[in-house]
Amino acid sequence: MRLLVVEDDADLGERLRVRLEHAGYAVDVADNGIDGAHLGATEPYDAAVLDLGLPGKPGLAVLREWRAAGSRLPVLILTARNGWAERVEGLQAGADDYLGKPFHIEELLARLQALLRRSASMPALELRSGPWRLDEARQCLCGDDGGEQALTATEFRLLRYFMRHPQELLSKTRLYEHVYGYDAEHDSNVIEVYVRRLRSLLGAACIETRRGQGYVFIP
């Protein structure tokens, strides 16, 4: 799953990028409101973290611009701890949640996970495929028999996206866009390679190929 972080504090933006990538997300970071507004309007993110005090274009203006264009992107806004008026304005402008600065990154991660669950086709707390459960914290598969199966970072991101969108026809383009960041480089057949790997772990019937269209995950 792919996140946008719009934060002008370079140190904080980098810390968020590193921690979110460690948690299994593809992350793009913008350090001003103009670039953030453009990325949020043109790239298919699963959620955004939006600071309100941005250079170029204020965060509230960015949020209002997205919502006026019909975007339903889940947005978590960052505000000053005592900025209750900003929080109210942000929620009224269409934000889904807020977090006051300073904050613990683990709380931000938990709030983002809740937003992503609510917005996904499969909002369940537990993601399963047959006897396997996806452990999102440890980024591995856990079997009902007590066994475990390690996943690479890309396998985990791809499988989590499949599991959050079961029975949906997912094109290769859509999978690329939600598994990799803006500047990521990858081969044209990389999705096919990882789909084969997931089938070897979960069984060939778990991911159905629709020739010329994409894939359907069958839980």
C-alpha atoms as a PDB file:
ATOM      1  CA  MET A   1       0.000   0.000   0.000  1.00  0.00           C
ATOM      2  CA  ARG A   2       1.237   3.468  -0.877  1.00  0.00           C
ATOM      3  CA  LEU A   3       1.292   6.581   1.308  1.00  0.00           C
ATOM      4  CA  LEU A   4       1.907  10.275   0.724  1.00  0.00           C
ATOM      5  CA  VAL A   5       3.582  12.323   3.462  1.00  0.00           C
ATOM      6  CA  VAL A   6       3.395  16.118   3.054  1.00  0.00           C
ATOM      7  CA  GLU A   7       5.701  17.588   5.705  1.00  0.00           C
ATOM      8  CA  ASP A   8       8.094  20.541   5.436  1.00  0.00           C
ATOM      9  CA  ASP A   9      10.266  19.491   8.393  1.00  0.00           C
ATOM     10  CA  ALA A  10      12.970  17.521   6.561  1.00  0.00           C
ATOM     11  CA  ASP A  11      14.052  15.525   9.628  1.00  0.00           C
ATOM     12  CA  LEU A  12      10.493  14.554  10.536  1.00  0.00           C
ATOM     13  CA  GLY A  13       9.631  13.724   6.939  1.00  0.00           C
ATOM     14  CA  GLU A  14      12.634  11.412   6.674  1.00  0.00           C
ATOM     15  CA  ARG A  15      11.846   9.712  10.010  1.00  0.00           C
ATOM     16  CA  LEU A  16       8.295   9.101   8.862  1.00  0.00           C
ATOM     17  CA  ARG A  17       9.455   7.746   5.515  1.00  0.00           C
ATOM     18  CA  VAL A  18      11.894   5.312   7.139  1.00  0.00           C
ATOM     19  CA  ARG A  19       9.416   4.087   9.777  1.00  0.00           C
ATOM     20  CA  LEU A  20       6.530   3.711   7.344  1.00  0.00           C
ATOM     21  CA  GLU A  21       8.684   1.858   4.831  1.00  0.00           C
ATOM     22  CA  HIS A  22       9.859  -0.397   7.658  1.00  0.00           C
ATOM     23  CA  ALA A  23       6.174  -1.075   8.386  1.00  0.00           C
ATOM     24  CA  GLY A  24       5.707  -2.281   4.810  1.00  0.00           C
ATOM     25  CA  TYR A  25       4.424   0.767   2.942  1.00  0.00           C
ATOM     26  CA  ALA A  26       5.638   2.459  -0.219  1.00  0.00           C
ATOM     27  CA  VAL A  27       6.110   6.132   0.707  1.00  0.00           C
ATOM     28  CA  ASP A  28       6.465   9.392  -1.206  1.00  0.00           C
ATOM     29  CA  VAL A  29       7.384  12.596   0.645  1.00  0.00           C
ATOM     30  CA  ALA A  30       6.649  16.187  -0.434  1.00  0.00           C
ATOM     31  CA  ASP A  31       8.103  19.121   1.525  1.00  0.00           C
ATOM     32  CA  ASN A  32       5.677  21.832   0.384  1.00  0.00           C
ATOM     33  CA  GLY A  33       1.986  22.297  -0.289  1.00  0.00           C
ATOM     34  CA  ILE A  34       2.276  22.815  -4.043  1.00  0.00           C
ATOM     35  CA  ASP A  35       4.052  19.513  -4.714  1.00  0.00           C
ATOM     36  CA  GLY A  36       1.907  17.725  -2.140  1.00  0.00           C
ATOM     37  CA  ALA A  37      -1.316  18.959  -3.728  1.00  0.00           C
ATOM     38  CA  HIS A  38      -0.140  17.832  -7.168  1.00  0.00           C
ATOM     39  CA  LEU A  39       0.952  14.366  -6.023  1.00  0.00           C
ATOM     40  CA  GLY A  40      -2.240  13.789  -4.052  1.00  0.00           C
ATOM     41  CA  ALA A  41      -4.339  14.800  -7.058  1.00  0.00           C
ATOM     42  CA  THR A  42      -2.477  12.766  -9.682  1.00  0.00           C
ATOM     43  CA  GLU A  43      -1.099   9.656  -7.934  1.00  0.00           C
ATOM     44  CA  PRO A  44      -3.257   6.798  -6.556  1.00  0.00           C
ATOM     45  CA  TYR A  45      -2.304   6.828  -2.871  1.00  0.00           C
ATOM     46  CA  ASP A  46      -4.044   4.743  -0.244  1.00  0.00           C
ATOM     47  CA  ALA A  47      -3.722   7.463   2.425  1.00  0.00           C
ATOM     48  CA  ALA A  48      -1.956  10.751   3.133  1.00  0.00           C
ATOM     49  CA  VAL A  49      -0.316  12.363   6.155  1.00  0.00           C
ATOM     50  CA  LEU A  50      -0.734  16.116   5.756  1.00  0.00           C
ATOM     51  CA  ASP A  51       0.916  18.820   7.836  1.00  0.00           C
ATOM     52  CA  LEU A  52      -1.091  22.041   7.972  1.00  0.00           C
ATOM     53  CA  GLY A  53       1.800  24.516   8.238  1.00  0.00           C
ATOM     54  CA  LEU A  54       3.283  24.101   4.757  1.00  0.00           C
ATOM     55  CA  PRO A  55       5.209  26.533   2.524  1.00  0.00           C
ATOM     56  CA  GLY A  56       3.808  27.309  -0.908  1.00  0.00           C
ATOM     57  CA  LYS A  57       0.247  26.273  -0.088  1.00  0.00           C
ATOM     58  CA  PRO A  58      -1.231  25.721   3.404  1.00  0.00           C
ATOM     59  CA  GLY A  59      -2.297  22.212   4.313  1.00  0.00           C
ATOM     60  CA  LEU A  60      -5.951  23.210   4.682  1.00  0.00           C
ATOM     61  CA  ALA A  61      -5.921  24.630   1.150  1.00  0.00           C
ATOM     62  CA  VAL A  62      -4.400  21.378  -0.115  1.00  0.00           C
ATOM     63  CA  LEU A  63      -7.065  19.340   1.633  1.00  0.00           C
ATOM     64  CA  ARG A  64      -9.917  21.521   0.384  1.00  0.00           C
ATOM     65  CA  GLU A  65      -8.506  21.301  -3.153  1.00  0.00           C
ATOM     66  CA  TRP A  66      -8.480  17.485  -3.006  1.00  0.00           C
ATOM     67  CA  ARG A  67     -12.009  17.284  -1.654  1.00  0.00           C
ATOM     68  CA  ALA A  68     -13.361  19.837  -4.133  1.00  0.00           C
ATOM     69  CA  ALA A  69     -12.000  17.630  -6.919  1.00  0.00           C
ATOM     70  CA  GLY A  70     -13.918  14.662  -5.497  1.00  0.00           C
ATOM     71  CA  SER A  71     -10.955  12.854  -3.931  1.00  0.00           C
ATOM     72  CA  ARG A  72     -11.848  10.370  -1.198  1.00  0.00           C
ATOM     73  CA  LEU A  73      -8.217   9.842  -0.192  1.00  0.00           C
ATOM     74  CA  PRO A  74      -8.036   9.114   3.562  1.00  0.00           C
ATOM     75  CA  VAL A  75      -6.161  12.020   5.158  1.00  0.00           C
ATOM     76  CA  LEU A  76      -4.573  12.273   8.593  1.00  0.00           C
ATOM     77  CA  ILE A  77      -3.638  15.871   9.419  1.00  0.00           C
ATOM     78  CA  LEU A  78      -0.800  16.955  11.698  1.00  0.00           C
ATOM     79  CA  THR A  79      -1.391  20.009  13.879  1.00  0.00           C
ATOM     80  CA  ALA A  80       0.200  21.838  16.791  1.00  0.00           C
ATOM     81  CA  ARG A  81      -0.806  20.183  20.056  1.00  0.00           C
ATOM     82  CA  ASN A  82      -2.780  23.252  21.193  1.00  0.00           C
ATOM     83  CA  GLY A  83      -4.212  23.969  17.751  1.00  0.00           C
ATOM     84  CA  TRP A  84      -7.773  22.851  18.479  1.00  0.00           C
ATOM     85  CA  ALA A  85      -9.171  25.395  15.998  1.00  0.00           C
ATOM     86  CA  GLU A  86      -6.971  23.940  13.253  1.00  0.00           C
ATOM     87  CA  ARG A  87      -8.181  20.438  14.117  1.00  0.00           C
ATOM     88  CA  VAL A  88     -11.791  21.548  13.847  1.00  0.00           C
ATOM     89  CA  GLU A  89     -11.116  23.294  10.534  1.00  0.00           C
ATOM     90  CA  GLY A  90      -9.312  20.249   9.208  1.00  0.00           C
ATOM     91  CA  LEU A  91     -12.097  17.858  10.105  1.00  0.00           C
ATOM     92  CA  GLN A  92     -14.686  20.200   8.628  1.00  0.00           C
ATOM     93  CA  ALA A  93     -12.613  20.438   5.448  1.00  0.00           C
ATOM     94  CA  GLY A  94     -12.723  16.661   5.045  1.00  0.00           C
ATOM     95  CA  ALA A  95      -9.867  15.195   7.086  1.00  0.00           C
ATOM     96  CA  ASP A  96     -10.447  11.705   8.437  1.00  0.00           C
ATOM     97  CA  ASP A  97      -8.270  11.987  11.547  1.00  0.00           C
ATOM     98  CA  TYR A  98      -5.743  14.283  13.186  1.00  0.00           C
ATOM     99  CA  LEU A  99      -2.674  14.003  15.395  1.00  0.00           C
ATOM    100  CA  GLY A 100      -1.102  16.771  17.444  1.00  0.00           C
ATOM    101  CA  LYS A 101       2.618  17.513  17.391  1.00  0.00           C
ATOM    102  CA  PRO A 102       4.801  16.282  18.971  1.00  0.00           C
ATOM    103  CA  PHE A 103       3.587  12.703  18.605  1.00  0.00           C
ATOM    104  CA  HIS A 104       4.800   9.130  18.821  1.00  0.00           C
ATOM    105  CA  ILE A 105       5.308   7.632  15.383  1.00  0.00           C
ATOM    106  CA  GLU A 106       3.783   4.365  16.614  1.00  0.00           C
ATOM    107  CA  GLU A 107       0.503   6.200  17.301  1.00  0.00           C
ATOM    108  CA  LEU A 108       0.572   7.737  13.830  1.00  0.00           C
ATOM    109  CA  LEU A 109       1.157   4.281  12.363  1.00  0.00           C
ATOM    110  CA  ALA A 110      -1.772   2.828  14.324  1.00  0.00           C
ATOM    111  CA  ARG A 111      -4.079   5.636  13.187  1.00  0.00           C
ATOM    112  CA  LEU A 112      -3.031   5.151   9.575  1.00  0.00           C
ATOM    113  CA  GLN A 113      -3.681   1.419   9.800  1.00  0.00           C
ATOM    114  CA  ALA A 114      -7.177   2.132  11.126  1.00  0.00           C
ATOM    115  CA  LEU A 115      -7.859   4.573   8.252  1.00  0.00           C
ATOM    116  CA  LEU A 116      -6.627   2.042   5.702  1.00  0.00           C
ATOM    117  CA  ARG A 117      -8.803  -0.723   7.155  1.00  0.00           C
ATOM    118  CA  ARG A 118     -11.902   1.456   7.017  1.00  0.00           C
ATOM    119  CA  SER A 119     -11.278   2.514   3.410  1.00  0.00           C
ATOM    120  CA  ALA A 120     -10.380  -0.934   2.042  1.00  0.00           C
ATOM    121  CA  SER A 121     -12.729  -3.414   0.419  1.00  0.00           C
ATOM    122  CA  MET A 122     -11.890  -5.837   3.240  1.00  0.00           C
ATOM    123  CA  PRO A 123     -11.876  -3.832   6.494  1.00  0.00           C
ATOM    124  CA  ALA A 124     -11.278  -6.884   8.726  1.00  0.00           C
ATOM    125  CA  LEU A 125      -8.714  -6.718  11.510  1.00  0.00           C
ATOM    126  CA  GLU A 126      -7.330 -10.111  10.448  1.00  0.00           C
ATOM    127  CA  LEU A 127      -6.318 -10.921   6.880  1.00  0.00           C
ATOM    128  CA  ARG A 128      -6.507 -14.620   5.996  1.00  0.00           C
ATOM    129  CA  SER A 129      -6.114 -16.989   3.079  1.00  0.00           C
ATOM    130  CA  GLY A 130      -7.023 -20.582   3.870  1.00  0.00           C
ATOM    131  CA  PRO A 131      -4.901 -21.747   6.809  1.00  0.00           C
ATOM    132  CA  TRP A 132      -2.657 -18.687   6.619  1.00  0.00           C
ATOM    133  CA  ARG A 133      -2.965 -15.384   8.511  1.00  0.00           C
ATOM    134  CA  LEU A 134      -1.007 -12.303   7.460  1.00  0.00           C
ATOM    135  CA  ASP A 135       0.841 -10.857  10.455  1.00  0.00           C
ATOM    136  CA  GLU A 136       1.124  -7.173   9.501  1.00  0.00           C
ATOM    137  CA  ALA A 137       3.349  -6.260  12.441  1.00  0.00           C
ATOM    138  CA  ARG A 138       5.952  -8.931  11.670  1.00  0.00           C
ATOM    139  CA  GLN A 139       5.310  -8.990   7.898  1.00  0.00           C
ATOM    140  CA  CYS A 140       5.056 -12.743   7.631  1.00  0.00           C
ATOM    141  CA  LEU A 141       2.480 -15.516   7.162  1.00  0.00           C
ATOM    142  CA  CYS A 142       1.397 -17.493  10.210  1.00  0.00           C
ATOM    143  CA  GLY A 143      -0.200 -20.904   9.756  1.00  0.00           C
ATOM    144  CA  ASP A 144      -2.961 -22.428  11.846  1.00  0.00           C
ATOM    145  CA  ASP A 145      -0.528 -25.279  12.574  1.00  0.00           C
ATOM    146  CA  GLY A 146       1.932 -22.865  14.186  1.00  0.00           C
ATOM    147  CA  GLY A 147       4.219 -22.635  11.184  1.00  0.00           C
ATOM    148  CA  GLU A 148       5.531 -19.388   9.762  1.00  0.00           C
ATOM    149  CA  GLN A 149       6.527 -18.269   6.295  1.00  0.00           C
ATOM    150  CA  ALA A 150       8.826 -15.283   5.808  1.00  0.00           C
ATOM    151  CA  LEU A 151       7.964 -12.692   3.154  1.00  0.00           C
ATOM    152  CA  THR A 152      10.152 -10.178   1.375  1.00  0.00           C
ATOM    153  CA  ALA A 153       9.135  -6.509   1.634  1.00  0.00           C
ATOM    154  CA  THR A 154       7.610  -6.554  -1.859  1.00  0.00           C
ATOM    155  CA  GLU A 155       5.817  -9.870  -1.300  1.00  0.00           C
ATOM    156  CA  PHE A 156       4.312  -8.464   1.881  1.00  0.00           C
ATOM    157  CA  ARG A 157       3.135  -5.216   0.253  1.00  0.00           C
ATOM    158  CA  LEU A 158       1.629  -7.056  -2.704  1.00  0.00           C
ATOM    159  CA  LEU A 159      -0.095  -9.706  -0.607  1.00  0.00           C
ATOM    160  CA  ARG A 160      -1.520  -7.153   1.818  1.00  0.00           C
ATOM    161  CA  TYR A 161      -2.969  -5.186  -1.101  1.00  0.00           C
ATOM    162  CA  PHE A 162      -4.480  -8.344  -2.579  1.00  0.00           C
ATOM    163  CA  MET A 163      -5.964  -9.307   0.798  1.00  0.00           C
ATOM    164  CA  ARG A 164      -7.456  -5.849   1.329  1.00  0.00           C
ATOM    165  CA  HIS A 165      -9.137  -6.064  -2.094  1.00  0.00           C
ATOM    166  CA  PRO A 166     -10.439  -9.630  -2.447  1.00  0.00           C
ATOM    167  CA  GLN A 167     -12.548 -10.621  -5.443  1.00  0.00           C
ATOM    168  CA  GLU A 168     -11.578  -7.385  -7.236  1.00  0.00           C
ATOM    169  CA  LEU A 169     -10.013  -7.329 -10.688  1.00  0.00           C
ATOM    170  CA  LEU A 170      -6.645  -5.639 -10.124  1.00  0.00           C
ATOM    171  CA  SER A 171      -4.652  -4.597 -13.173  1.00  0.00           C
ATOM    172  CA  LYS A 172      -0.862  -4.759 -13.221  1.00  0.00           C
ATOM    173  CA  THR A 173      -0.794  -0.970 -13.442  1.00  0.00           C
ATOM    174  CA  ARG A 174      -2.899  -0.614 -10.313  1.00  0.00           C
ATOM    175  CA  LEU A 175      -0.708  -3.092  -8.450  1.00  0.00           C
ATOM    176  CA  TYR A 176       2.460  -1.255  -9.531  1.00  0.00           C
ATOM    177  CA  GLU A 177       0.983   2.043  -8.356  1.00  0.00           C
ATOM    178  CA  HIS A 178       0.098   0.766  -4.895  1.00  0.00           C
ATOM    179  CA  VAL A 179       3.140  -1.418  -4.236  1.00  0.00           C
ATOM    180  CA  TYR A 180       5.919   0.927  -5.411  1.00  0.00           C
ATOM    181  CA  GLY A 181       6.765   4.560  -4.734  1.00  0.00           C
ATOM    182  CA  TYR A 182       6.879   7.371  -7.284  1.00  0.00           C
ATOM    183  CA  ASP A 183      10.572   7.045  -8.150  1.00  0.00           C
ATOM    184  CA  ALA A 184      10.876   3.262  -7.861  1.00  0.00           C
ATOM    185  CA  GLU A 185      12.379   1.371 -10.781  1.00  0.00           C
ATOM    186  CA  HIS A 186      11.133  -2.107 -11.638  1.00  0.00           C
ATOM    187  CA  ASP A 187      11.038  -4.548 -14.516  1.00  0.00           C
ATOM    188  CA  SER A 188       7.905  -4.833 -16.619  1.00  0.00           C
ATOM    189  CA  ASN A 189       7.281  -8.415 -15.468  1.00  0.00           C
ATOM    190  CA  VAL A 190       8.022  -7.935 -11.761  1.00  0.00           C
ATOM    191  CA  ILE A 191       4.377  -8.343 -10.705  1.00  0.00           C
ATOM    192  CA  GLU A 192       4.195 -11.689 -12.520  1.00  0.00           C
ATOM    193  CA  VAL A 193       7.297 -12.861 -10.655  1.00  0.00           C
ATOM    194  CA  TYR A 194       5.826 -11.997  -7.250  1.00  0.00           C
ATOM    195  CA  VAL A 195       2.414 -13.438  -8.117  1.00  0.00           C
ATOM    196  CA  ARG A 196       4.130 -16.761  -8.899  1.00  0.00           C
ATOM    197  CA  ARG A 197       5.922 -16.577  -5.560  1.00  0.00           C
ATOM    198  CA  LEU A 198       2.678 -15.940  -3.661  1.00  0.00           C
ATOM    199  CA  ARG A 199       0.966 -18.797  -5.462  1.00  0.00           C
ATOM    200  CA  SER A 200       3.789 -21.119  -4.418  1.00  0.00           C
ATOM    201  CA  LEU A 201       3.149 -20.119  -0.789  1.00  0.00           C
ATOM    202  CA  LEU A 202      -0.658 -19.993  -0.695  1.00  0.00           C
ATOM    203  CA  GLY A 203      -1.669 -22.328  -3.509  1.00  0.00           C
ATOM    204  CA  ALA A 204      -2.161 -21.734  -7.214  1.00  0.00           C
ATOM    205  CA  ALA A 205      -5.902 -21.106  -6.843  1.00  0.00           C
ATOM    206  CA  CYS A 206      -5.482 -18.101  -4.524  1.00  0.00           C
ATOM    207  CA  ILE A 207      -4.696 -15.663  -7.350  1.00  0.00           C
ATOM    208  CA  GLU A 208      -6.628 -15.986 -10.580  1.00  0.00           C
ATOM    209  CA  THR A 209      -5.198 -14.550 -13.797  1.00  0.00           C
ATOM    210  CA  ARG A 210      -7.544 -12.664 -16.110  1.00  0.00           C
ATOM    211  CA  ARG A 211      -5.607 -12.569 -19.360  1.00  0.00           C
ATOM    212  CA  GLY A 212      -5.117  -9.039 -20.630  1.00  0.00           C
ATOM    213  CA  GLN A 213      -6.851  -7.594 -17.548  1.00  0.00           C
ATOM    214  CA  GLY A 214      -4.988  -8.486 -14.380  1.00  0.00           C
ATOM    215  CA  TYR A 215      -5.486 -10.623 -11.294  1.00  0.00           C
ATOM    216  CA  VAL A 216      -8.215 -11.524  -8.815  1.00  0.00           C
ATOM    217  CA  PHE A 217      -7.362 -12.613  -5.271  1.00  0.00           C
ATOM    218  CA  ILE A 218      -9.552 -15.483  -4.043  1.00  0.00           C
ATOM    219  CA  PRO A 219      -9.336 -15.733  -0.244  1.00  0.00           C
END
